């Protein structure tokens, strides 16, 4: 009989920091306002017992009818601590309907001991801790190995600066950390503010058991729901039970295929995907063939201008030329509210991409260029190292040799744990930030333009700069 730890340790911390006033009453008030000659308030739906009975009936019927915009008004801000980077990437930031401010591994040094421990088989706990400790040690050693290369480059770029000054030493240290973090495991803890609507939290609850780390997801989401329940016991009165992992679409799709074929998929998929990329990290694989013509016509349609009065080139110039369109240089990003610049939503592009887990954790924050990110464990060759090597490591021979040895040793640990029957979801916490994420990303020109404007800065994360 395999003995297991009973829970994630240490447990994630969840605090409801701010909440919408009377969310349940407000949801019903908004529903009633749709059919009322006046605005209905939260007080109007709860002033006496008959009114509250009617309130509950409306709340139940609107929820069951799918009129869920009523619970979208309420907003909840959570402080999350001791949650893994894997959980954040796979679940919290994998959709558009949230806002987060999260500690940066680029600029904040990671301390030992801050990592998620899943419910491992008892015999596997020691090796898991050993693997994480080796990666944490490697992180600090890589910082030291990279420092001479970074200092030399800073001296070349800024020859008159005194690199012994504290501010430049700090800049050099942060540059080293930005690259050294590639060896950190995705189990590494983060803390963040995470703000979502009541509707998103209902959806979180329903799908909290999906891939990749259902155990941690379920625990964190349950704590979020419990916190809101303590604040307003009625808000989740009609909440649906979570789907089990076995009920999720992804589980059923994987289950539907023959097991003997499924075990060969990852290697075949990776070879096929990388062959199609042909050495690139990003490759356009689809676009709208008539994008320019449609964009020009949409500009004319906004202005009510006939083609004889405005050529295609002139029309496009009005929205894409910084000389004509001052909104392009606004830091507040007015483009989605401007009638003319909204025409940029018509051109559309799809890219095949391969970037590291740590780069994609930043890249996915551009939520209006959505991507279909993978069930991660279906892209891992547990006995074959697969990782991205940052340019700075490639330029530093001693660091490159150490980096490669670190990855080989890590994969030995993961292969050992898998061979001993450990769950793939648990072992996936050991994957390094360097692990490649292979996926497709689509978006319109409006939102790609915004993304490229910010990510083609020389201080941008290296891989995102390259793909942009």
Protein backbone atom coordinates (compact mmCIF):
# COMPACT_ATOMS: atom_id res chain seq x y z
CA UNK A 1 0.00 0.00 0.00
CA UNK A 2 1.37 3.45 -0.99
CA UNK A 3 1.34 5.99 1.81
CA UNK A 4 0.78 9.60 0.80
CA UNK A 5 1.04 12.97 2.45
CA UNK A 6 -2.48 14.13 3.22
CA UNK A 7 -2.31 17.63 1.75
CA UNK A 8 -0.26 20.32 0.07
CA UNK A 9 2.25 21.70 2.55
CA UNK A 10 2.53 24.48 3.39
CA UNK A 11 -1.03 25.30 2.47
CA UNK A 12 -1.72 28.29 0.22
CA UNK A 13 -2.89 31.45 2.01
CA UNK A 14 -6.07 33.11 0.75
CA UNK A 15 -7.38 36.43 2.09
CA UNK A 16 -10.41 38.34 0.82
CA UNK A 17 -8.86 41.82 0.81
CA UNK A 18 -11.74 43.82 -0.71
CA UNK A 19 -15.26 42.95 -1.77
CA UNK A 20 -18.26 44.45 -3.52
CA UNK A 21 -20.93 45.75 -1.12
CA UNK A 22 -23.88 43.31 -0.69
CA UNK A 23 -23.11 41.24 -3.81
CA UNK A 24 -26.13 38.93 -3.60
CA UNK A 25 -28.69 41.71 -3.15
CA UNK A 26 -27.01 43.73 -5.88
CA UNK A 27 -27.21 40.82 -8.34
CA UNK A 28 -30.98 40.61 -7.88
CA UNK A 29 -31.35 44.39 -8.01
CA UNK A 30 -29.58 44.47 -11.38
CA UNK A 31 -31.81 41.66 -12.67
CA UNK A 32 -34.98 43.48 -11.64
CA UNK A 33 -33.73 46.78 -13.10
CA UNK A 34 -33.85 45.21 -16.56
CA UNK A 35 -37.66 45.06 -16.27
CA UNK A 36 -38.35 48.11 -14.14
CA UNK A 37 -39.18 51.74 -15.06
CA UNK A 38 -36.72 52.82 -12.33
CA UNK A 39 -33.40 51.64 -10.96
CA UNK A 40 -33.87 48.95 -8.30
CA UNK A 41 -31.47 49.09 -5.33
CA UNK A 42 -30.11 46.46 -2.97
CA UNK A 43 -32.40 47.85 -0.26
CA UNK A 44 -35.43 47.45 -2.53
CA UNK A 45 -34.91 43.67 -2.81
CA UNK A 46 -34.35 42.97 0.91
CA UNK A 47 -36.55 45.33 2.93
CA UNK A 48 -38.96 42.68 4.30
CA UNK A 49 -39.67 38.95 4.27
CA UNK A 50 -41.97 38.86 1.17
CA UNK A 51 -39.43 40.94 -0.74
CA UNK A 52 -36.61 38.62 0.27
CA UNK A 53 -38.62 35.57 -0.82
CA UNK A 54 -39.12 37.20 -4.21
CA UNK A 55 -35.40 38.09 -4.28
CA UNK A 56 -34.41 34.45 -3.77
CA UNK A 57 -36.81 33.24 -6.46
CA UNK A 58 -35.39 35.75 -8.95
CA UNK A 59 -31.80 34.86 -8.04
CA UNK A 60 -32.50 31.16 -8.59
CA UNK A 61 -34.36 31.61 -11.88
CA UNK A 62 -31.87 34.04 -13.40
CA UNK A 63 -28.96 31.75 -12.51
CA UNK A 64 -30.63 28.67 -13.95
CA UNK A 65 -31.62 30.59 -17.09
CA UNK A 66 -27.99 31.52 -17.71
CA UNK A 67 -28.52 35.24 -17.07
CA UNK A 68 -25.14 35.39 -15.34
CA UNK A 69 -24.21 39.00 -16.02
CA UNK A 70 -26.05 39.81 -12.80
CA UNK A 71 -23.34 38.09 -10.72
CA UNK A 72 -20.61 39.67 -12.82
CA UNK A 73 -21.11 43.10 -11.23
CA UNK A 74 -19.74 41.97 -7.88
CA UNK A 75 -15.94 42.07 -7.70
CA UNK A 76 -13.66 40.36 -5.20
CA UNK A 77 -10.00 41.13 -4.57
CA UNK A 78 -7.94 38.33 -3.04
CA UNK A 79 -4.43 38.22 -1.66
CA UNK A 80 -2.89 34.86 -2.52
CA UNK A 81 0.35 33.65 -0.99
CA UNK A 82 2.32 30.40 -1.11
CA UNK A 83 0.75 29.42 -4.43
CA UNK A 84 2.87 27.78 -7.10
CA UNK A 85 3.92 29.36 -10.38
CA UNK A 86 2.47 26.29 -12.07
CA UNK A 87 -0.99 26.94 -10.63
CA UNK A 88 -0.86 30.60 -11.62
CA UNK A 89 0.21 29.79 -15.19
CA UNK A 90 -2.11 26.83 -15.70
CA UNK A 91 -5.26 28.20 -14.04
CA UNK A 92 -5.35 31.76 -12.71
CA UNK A 93 -3.86 33.44 -15.79
CA UNK A 94 -5.07 31.10 -18.50
CA UNK A 95 -8.19 33.14 -19.31
CA UNK A 96 -9.01 36.85 -19.93
CA UNK A 97 -11.34 37.70 -17.05
CA UNK A 98 -9.08 38.66 -14.14
CA UNK A 99 -6.57 41.25 -12.95
CA UNK A 100 -3.35 40.37 -11.10
CA UNK A 101 -0.32 42.10 -9.66
CA UNK A 102 2.28 39.42 -8.93
CA UNK A 103 5.78 39.29 -7.44
CA UNK A 104 8.38 39.21 -10.21
CA UNK A 105 11.08 36.55 -10.36
CA UNK A 106 13.01 38.90 -12.64
CA UNK A 107 13.49 41.53 -9.96
CA UNK A 108 12.97 39.79 -6.61
CA UNK A 109 15.50 37.21 -5.45
CA UNK A 110 13.97 33.84 -4.70
CA UNK A 111 14.60 32.48 -1.21
CA UNK A 112 15.02 28.77 -0.36
CA UNK A 113 12.14 26.84 1.15
CA UNK A 114 9.38 28.65 -0.72
CA UNK A 115 7.87 25.95 -2.90
CA UNK A 116 4.75 23.81 -3.12
CA UNK A 117 4.87 20.22 -1.89
CA UNK A 118 2.06 18.13 -3.43
CA UNK A 119 0.57 14.98 -1.89
CA UNK A 120 3.43 12.69 -2.80
CA UNK A 121 3.81 9.02 -2.01
CA UNK A 122 5.68 8.88 1.29
CA UNK A 123 8.69 7.12 -0.26
CA UNK A 124 9.06 9.93 -2.84
CA UNK A 125 9.08 12.94 -0.50
CA UNK A 126 12.84 12.90 0.12
CA UNK A 127 13.74 12.80 -3.57
CA UNK A 128 11.28 15.59 -4.35
CA UNK A 129 12.87 17.82 -1.70
CA UNK A 130 16.34 16.91 -2.93
CA UNK A 131 15.45 17.84 -6.51
CA UNK A 132 14.03 21.21 -5.44
CA UNK A 133 17.02 21.98 -3.22
CA UNK A 134 19.42 21.22 -6.07
CA UNK A 135 17.51 23.65 -8.31
CA UNK A 136 17.51 26.36 -5.63
CA UNK A 137 21.27 25.89 -5.19
CA UNK A 138 21.73 25.98 -8.96
CA UNK A 139 19.83 29.27 -9.11
CA UNK A 140 22.31 30.96 -6.76
CA UNK A 141 25.35 29.36 -8.40
CA UNK A 142 24.17 30.42 -11.85
CA UNK A 143 23.84 33.98 -10.59
CA UNK A 144 27.54 33.92 -9.71
CA UNK A 145 28.60 32.31 -13.00
CA UNK A 146 26.73 34.89 -15.06
CA UNK A 147 27.90 37.96 -13.17
CA UNK A 148 31.25 38.45 -15.05
CA UNK A 149 29.50 38.28 -18.44
CA UNK A 150 26.79 40.72 -17.38
CA UNK A 151 29.32 43.13 -15.85
CA UNK A 152 31.46 43.03 -18.99
CA UNK A 153 28.45 43.84 -21.16
CA UNK A 154 27.38 46.70 -18.87
CA UNK A 155 30.91 48.10 -19.05
CA UNK A 156 30.81 47.94 -22.83
CA UNK A 157 27.44 49.68 -23.03
CA UNK A 158 28.09 52.24 -20.28
CA UNK A 159 31.87 52.81 -20.18
CA UNK A 160 31.75 55.90 -17.93
CA UNK A 161 29.62 54.37 -15.19
CA UNK A 162 31.17 53.21 -11.95
CA UNK A 163 29.81 49.69 -11.72
CA UNK A 164 30.78 49.53 -8.05
CA UNK A 165 27.93 51.92 -7.23
CA UNK A 166 24.97 50.28 -5.50
CA UNK A 167 22.44 51.12 -8.21
CA UNK A 168 24.50 49.51 -10.97
CA UNK A 169 25.32 46.49 -8.82
CA UNK A 170 21.58 46.10 -8.29
CA UNK A 171 20.93 46.31 -12.04
CA UNK A 172 23.59 43.68 -12.74
CA UNK A 173 22.18 41.40 -10.04
CA UNK A 174 18.65 41.68 -11.46
CA UNK A 175 19.89 40.85 -14.95
CA UNK A 176 21.58 37.74 -13.58
CA UNK A 177 18.41 36.77 -11.66
CA UNK A 178 16.32 37.19 -14.79
CA UNK A 179 18.31 34.41 -16.44
CA UNK A 180 19.09 32.26 -13.39
CA UNK A 181 15.37 31.83 -12.69
CA UNK A 182 15.20 29.47 -15.70
CA UNK A 183 16.45 26.66 -13.43
CA UNK A 184 13.87 27.29 -10.69
CA UNK A 185 11.03 24.75 -10.48
CA UNK A 186 7.49 25.81 -11.32
CA UNK A 187 6.68 24.71 -7.73
CA UNK A 188 8.33 27.97 -6.57
CA UNK A 189 5.93 30.12 -4.57
CA UNK A 190 4.54 33.48 -5.61
CA UNK A 191 2.30 36.02 -3.93
CA UNK A 192 -0.14 38.28 -5.71
CA UNK A 193 -3.29 40.35 -5.69
CA UNK A 194 -5.94 38.63 -7.80
CA UNK A 195 -9.23 40.39 -8.60
CA UNK A 196 -12.15 38.67 -10.30
CA UNK A 197 -15.88 39.03 -10.70
CA UNK A 198 -18.41 36.83 -8.97
CA UNK A 199 -19.12 35.17 -12.30
CA UNK A 200 -15.47 34.22 -12.79
CA UNK A 201 -15.36 32.76 -9.29
CA UNK A 202 -18.41 30.61 -10.10
CA UNK A 203 -16.55 29.36 -13.18
CA UNK A 204 -13.38 28.77 -11.16
CA UNK A 205 -15.35 26.59 -8.79
CA UNK A 206 -16.94 24.56 -11.58
CA UNK A 207 -13.61 23.79 -13.32
CA UNK A 208 -11.24 23.75 -10.35
CA UNK A 209 -10.43 20.05 -10.82
CA UNK A 210 -9.10 20.28 -14.38
CA UNK A 211 -5.49 19.69 -15.52
CA UNK A 212 -2.67 20.53 -14.65
CA UNK A 213 -2.62 20.71 -10.84
CA UNK A 214 -6.18 19.93 -9.69
CA UNK A 215 -5.23 19.32 -6.05
CA UNK A 216 -3.79 22.81 -5.53
CA UNK A 217 -6.50 24.40 -7.67
CA UNK A 218 -9.29 22.82 -5.69
CA UNK A 219 -7.75 23.86 -2.37
CA UNK A 220 -7.18 27.51 -3.38
CA UNK A 221 -10.57 27.94 -5.08
CA UNK A 222 -12.38 26.39 -2.12
CA UNK A 223 -10.66 28.90 0.16
CA UNK A 224 -11.72 31.74 -2.14
CA UNK A 225 -15.32 30.52 -2.15
CA UNK A 226 -15.25 30.07 1.63
CA UNK A 227 -13.97 33.63 2.09
CA UNK A 228 -16.81 35.06 -0.01
CA UNK A 229 -19.32 32.85 1.80
CA UNK A 230 -18.16 34.28 5.11
CA UNK A 231 -18.63 37.79 3.69
CA UNK A 232 -22.04 37.14 2.10
CA UNK A 233 -23.54 33.69 2.84
CA UNK A 234 -26.17 34.09 0.10
CA UNK A 235 -23.94 34.85 -2.87
CA UNK A 236 -23.18 31.20 -3.66
CA UNK A 237 -26.65 29.94 -2.79
CA UNK A 238 -27.09 28.32 -6.22
CA UNK A 239 -23.47 27.53 -7.02
CA UNK A 240 -22.92 24.31 -8.98
CA UNK A 241 -20.73 21.48 -7.74
CA UNK A 242 -17.23 21.25 -9.22
CA UNK A 243 -16.72 18.82 -12.06
CA UNK A 244 -14.43 15.94 -11.16
CA UNK A 245 -11.21 15.60 -13.14
CA UNK A 246 -12.71 12.59 -14.90
CA UNK A 247 -15.67 14.69 -16.08
CA UNK A 248 -13.56 17.39 -17.73
CA UNK A 249 -13.42 17.62 -21.51
CA UNK A 250 -9.63 17.23 -21.63
CA UNK A 251 -9.69 14.06 -19.52
CA UNK A 252 -12.39 12.52 -21.68
CA UNK A 253 -10.53 13.42 -24.89
CA UNK A 254 -7.32 11.78 -23.64
CA UNK A 255 -9.19 8.76 -22.30
CA UNK A 256 -10.87 8.25 -25.67
CA UNK A 257 -7.62 7.16 -27.29
CA UNK A 258 -5.87 3.82 -26.98
CA UNK A 259 -3.38 3.81 -24.10
CA UNK A 260 -0.69 2.11 -26.18
CA UNK A 261 -0.79 4.98 -28.68
CA UNK A 262 -1.09 7.69 -26.05
CA UNK A 263 2.23 6.80 -24.41
CA UNK A 264 4.00 7.57 -27.70
CA UNK A 265 2.26 10.89 -28.32
CA UNK A 266 4.52 13.35 -26.51
CA UNK A 267 7.69 12.48 -28.44
CA UNK A 268 5.86 12.39 -31.79
CA UNK A 269 4.07 15.65 -31.04
CA UNK A 270 7.26 17.48 -30.00
CA UNK A 271 9.14 16.35 -33.13
CA UNK A 272 6.24 17.35 -35.37
CA UNK A 273 5.74 20.75 -33.69
CA UNK A 274 9.44 21.65 -33.69
CA UNK A 275 9.84 20.54 -37.30
CA UNK A 276 7.03 22.87 -38.37
CA UNK A 277 8.62 25.76 -36.42
CA UNK A 278 11.88 25.13 -38.30
CA UNK A 279 14.13 26.59 -35.62
CA UNK A 280 11.96 29.65 -34.93
CA UNK A 281 10.36 30.57 -31.61
CA UNK A 282 7.32 32.13 -33.34
CA UNK A 283 5.91 31.52 -36.81
CA UNK A 284 2.81 32.98 -38.45
CA UNK A 285 0.67 30.10 -39.66
CA UNK A 286 -2.56 31.88 -40.64
CA UNK A 287 -3.89 35.35 -41.45
CA UNK A 288 -6.84 37.05 -43.15
CA UNK A 289 -5.99 37.25 -46.85
CA UNK A 290 -8.04 40.41 -47.43
CA UNK A 291 -7.00 42.16 -44.23
CA UNK A 292 -5.68 45.38 -45.79
CA UNK A 293 -8.72 45.85 -48.00
CA UNK A 294 -11.15 45.16 -45.14
CA UNK A 295 -9.26 47.46 -42.76
CA UNK A 296 -9.33 50.31 -45.29
CA UNK A 297 -13.02 49.83 -45.98
CA UNK A 298 -13.84 49.75 -42.27
CA UNK A 299 -12.07 53.10 -41.81
CA UNK A 300 -14.18 54.56 -44.65
CA UNK A 301 -17.31 53.08 -43.10
CA UNK A 302 -16.59 54.74 -39.74
CA UNK A 303 -16.15 58.11 -41.46
CA UNK A 304 -18.91 57.67 -44.02
CA UNK A 305 -16.38 58.27 -46.81
CA UNK A 306 -16.69 56.86 -50.34
CA UNK A 307 -13.67 55.15 -51.87
CA UNK A 308 -13.22 57.97 -54.38
CA UNK A 309 -12.52 60.32 -51.46
CA UNK A 310 -10.06 58.06 -49.60
CA UNK A 311 -7.76 55.39 -51.02
CA UNK A 312 -6.90 52.21 -49.12
CA UNK A 313 -3.44 53.53 -48.26
CA UNK A 314 -4.83 56.82 -46.96
CA UNK A 315 -7.44 55.03 -44.87
CA UNK A 316 -4.89 52.69 -43.29
CA UNK A 317 -2.54 55.61 -42.67
CA UNK A 318 -5.17 57.29 -40.46
CA UNK A 319 -5.08 54.42 -37.96
CA UNK A 320 -1.51 53.05 -38.22
CA UNK A 321 0.64 56.13 -38.78
CA UNK A 322 1.85 57.71 -35.52
CA UNK A 323 2.06 61.02 -37.38
CA UNK A 324 -1.71 60.95 -37.89
CA UNK A 325 -2.94 58.86 -34.99
CA UNK A 326 -1.80 60.34 -31.64
CA UNK A 327 -3.63 57.59 -29.74
CA UNK A 328 -0.81 55.21 -30.68
CA UNK A 329 1.51 57.04 -28.29
CA UNK A 330 -0.97 57.37 -25.40
CA UNK A 331 0.17 55.45 -22.34
CA UNK A 332 -3.47 54.97 -21.28
CA UNK A 333 -4.25 52.87 -24.38
CA UNK A 334 -7.37 54.54 -25.77
CA UNK A 335 -7.50 52.36 -28.88
CA UNK A 336 -10.32 50.04 -27.88
CA UNK A 337 -12.54 53.06 -27.15
CA UNK A 338 -11.79 55.02 -30.32
CA UNK A 339 -14.19 54.43 -33.19
CA UNK A 340 -11.40 54.66 -35.77
CA UNK A 341 -8.73 52.58 -34.07
CA UNK A 342 -11.27 49.85 -33.33
CA UNK A 343 -11.09 49.10 -37.05
CA UNK A 344 -7.78 47.37 -36.26
CA UNK A 345 -9.71 44.42 -34.86
CA UNK A 346 -10.47 43.18 -38.40
CA UNK A 347 -6.98 41.99 -39.46
CA UNK A 348 -6.32 38.71 -37.66
CA UNK A 349 -3.24 36.50 -37.26
CA UNK A 350 -2.35 33.10 -35.78
CA UNK A 351 1.15 32.14 -34.62
CA UNK A 352 2.73 28.85 -33.64
CA UNK A 353 5.04 29.51 -30.68
CA UNK A 354 7.61 27.80 -28.49
CA UNK A 355 8.86 29.71 -25.45
CA UNK A 356 9.87 28.83 -21.92
CA UNK A 357 7.39 28.43 -19.07
CA UNK A 358 8.78 31.55 -17.40
CA UNK A 359 8.48 33.65 -20.58
CA UNK A 360 4.98 32.40 -21.26
CA UNK A 361 3.95 33.26 -17.71
CA UNK A 362 4.55 36.88 -18.72
CA UNK A 363 3.36 36.51 -22.29
CA UNK A 364 -0.05 35.18 -21.27
CA UNK A 365 -0.75 38.39 -19.35
CA UNK A 366 -1.54 39.89 -22.77
CA UNK A 367 -5.03 38.45 -22.42
CA UNK A 368 -6.44 39.95 -25.64
CA UNK A 369 -4.09 37.83 -27.76
CA UNK A 370 -5.44 34.51 -26.47
CA UNK A 371 -3.69 31.18 -26.80
CA UNK A 372 -4.59 27.52 -26.45
CA UNK A 373 -2.02 26.47 -23.89
CA UNK A 374 -1.40 22.77 -23.33
CA UNK A 375 -2.21 20.14 -20.78
CA UNK A 376 1.40 20.35 -19.71
CA UNK A 377 2.03 16.77 -18.64
CA UNK A 378 1.12 15.65 -22.17
CA UNK A 379 4.17 17.51 -23.53
CA UNK A 380 6.78 16.14 -21.10
CA UNK A 381 9.30 13.43 -21.95
CA UNK A 382 10.04 12.39 -18.39
CA UNK A 383 13.30 10.64 -19.30
CA UNK A 384 14.54 13.11 -21.93
CA UNK A 385 15.61 16.69 -21.04
CA UNK A 386 13.70 19.36 -22.95
CA UNK A 387 14.42 23.00 -22.13
CA UNK A 388 15.13 26.49 -23.44
CA UNK A 389 18.66 27.90 -23.04
CA UNK A 390 18.77 31.71 -22.53
CA UNK A 391 21.20 33.66 -24.74
CA UNK A 392 23.23 34.89 -21.77
CA UNK A 393 23.84 31.29 -20.67
CA UNK A 394 24.91 30.38 -24.21
CA UNK A 395 27.41 33.26 -24.13
CA UNK A 396 28.97 32.08 -20.83
CA UNK A 397 30.71 28.68 -21.31
CA UNK A 398 31.01 27.83 -17.60
CA UNK A 399 27.33 28.74 -17.05
CA UNK A 400 26.22 26.72 -20.08
CA UNK A 401 28.02 23.58 -18.88
CA UNK A 402 26.56 23.97 -15.39
CA UNK A 403 23.07 24.71 -16.78
CA UNK A 404 23.08 21.57 -18.93
CA UNK A 405 24.29 19.37 -16.06
CA UNK A 406 21.57 20.83 -13.83
CA UNK A 407 18.88 19.93 -16.36
CA UNK A 408 20.22 16.41 -16.87
CA UNK A 409 20.23 15.80 -13.11
CA UNK A 410 16.71 17.20 -12.76
CA UNK A 411 15.33 14.91 -15.45
CA UNK A 412 16.96 11.95 -13.68
CA UNK A 413 15.01 12.85 -10.55
CA UNK A 414 11.75 13.20 -12.48
CA UNK A 415 12.28 9.91 -14.34
CA UNK A 416 12.99 8.21 -11.02
CA UNK A 417 9.78 9.54 -9.46
CA UNK A 418 7.69 8.52 -12.47
CA UNK A 419 9.30 5.04 -12.42
CA UNK A 420 8.29 4.74 -8.76
CA UNK A 421 4.66 5.41 -9.68
CA UNK A 422 4.37 9.05 -8.66
CA UNK A 423 1.53 11.01 -10.30
CA UNK A 424 2.55 13.07 -13.33
CA UNK A 425 0.72 16.11 -11.90
CA UNK A 426 2.89 15.93 -8.76
CA UNK A 427 6.14 15.45 -10.67
CA UNK A 428 5.25 18.36 -12.97
CA UNK A 429 5.92 20.75 -10.06
CA UNK A 430 9.62 19.96 -10.58
CA UNK A 431 9.64 21.14 -14.19
CA UNK A 432 12.01 24.08 -14.56
CA UNK A 433 11.00 27.54 -15.70
CA UNK A 434 13.05 26.67 -18.78
CA UNK A 435 10.60 23.99 -19.90
CA UNK A 436 9.24 24.87 -23.38
CA UNK A 437 5.55 25.63 -23.83
CA UNK A 438 4.38 24.75 -27.34
CA UNK A 439 1.09 26.33 -28.42
CA UNK A 440 -0.87 28.48 -30.88
CA UNK A 441 -1.75 32.13 -30.30
CA UNK A 442 -4.27 34.25 -32.21
CA UNK A 443 -5.29 37.86 -32.10
CA UNK A 444 -6.28 40.97 -33.99
CA UNK A 445 -3.98 43.77 -35.12
CA UNK A 446 -5.33 46.16 -32.46
CA UNK A 447 -4.16 43.98 -29.59
CA UNK A 448 -1.02 42.66 -31.25
CA UNK A 449 -0.04 46.28 -31.92
CA UNK A 450 -0.46 47.08 -28.22
CA UNK A 451 1.57 44.01 -27.24
CA UNK A 452 4.39 44.69 -29.68
CA UNK A 453 4.57 48.34 -28.64
CA UNK A 454 5.33 47.29 -25.06
CA UNK A 455 7.37 44.14 -25.69
CA UNK A 456 9.74 45.49 -28.37
CA UNK A 457 11.45 47.57 -25.72
CA UNK A 458 15.04 46.50 -24.90
CA UNK A 459 14.12 46.03 -21.24
CA UNK A 460 11.44 43.49 -22.17
CA UNK A 461 11.85 39.83 -21.28
CA UNK A 462 14.25 38.40 -23.88
CA UNK A 463 12.10 35.62 -25.31
CA UNK A 464 8.97 37.78 -25.54
CA UNK A 465 11.00 40.48 -27.29
CA UNK A 466 12.25 37.89 -29.76
CA UNK A 467 8.82 36.45 -30.55
CA UNK A 468 7.30 39.93 -30.77
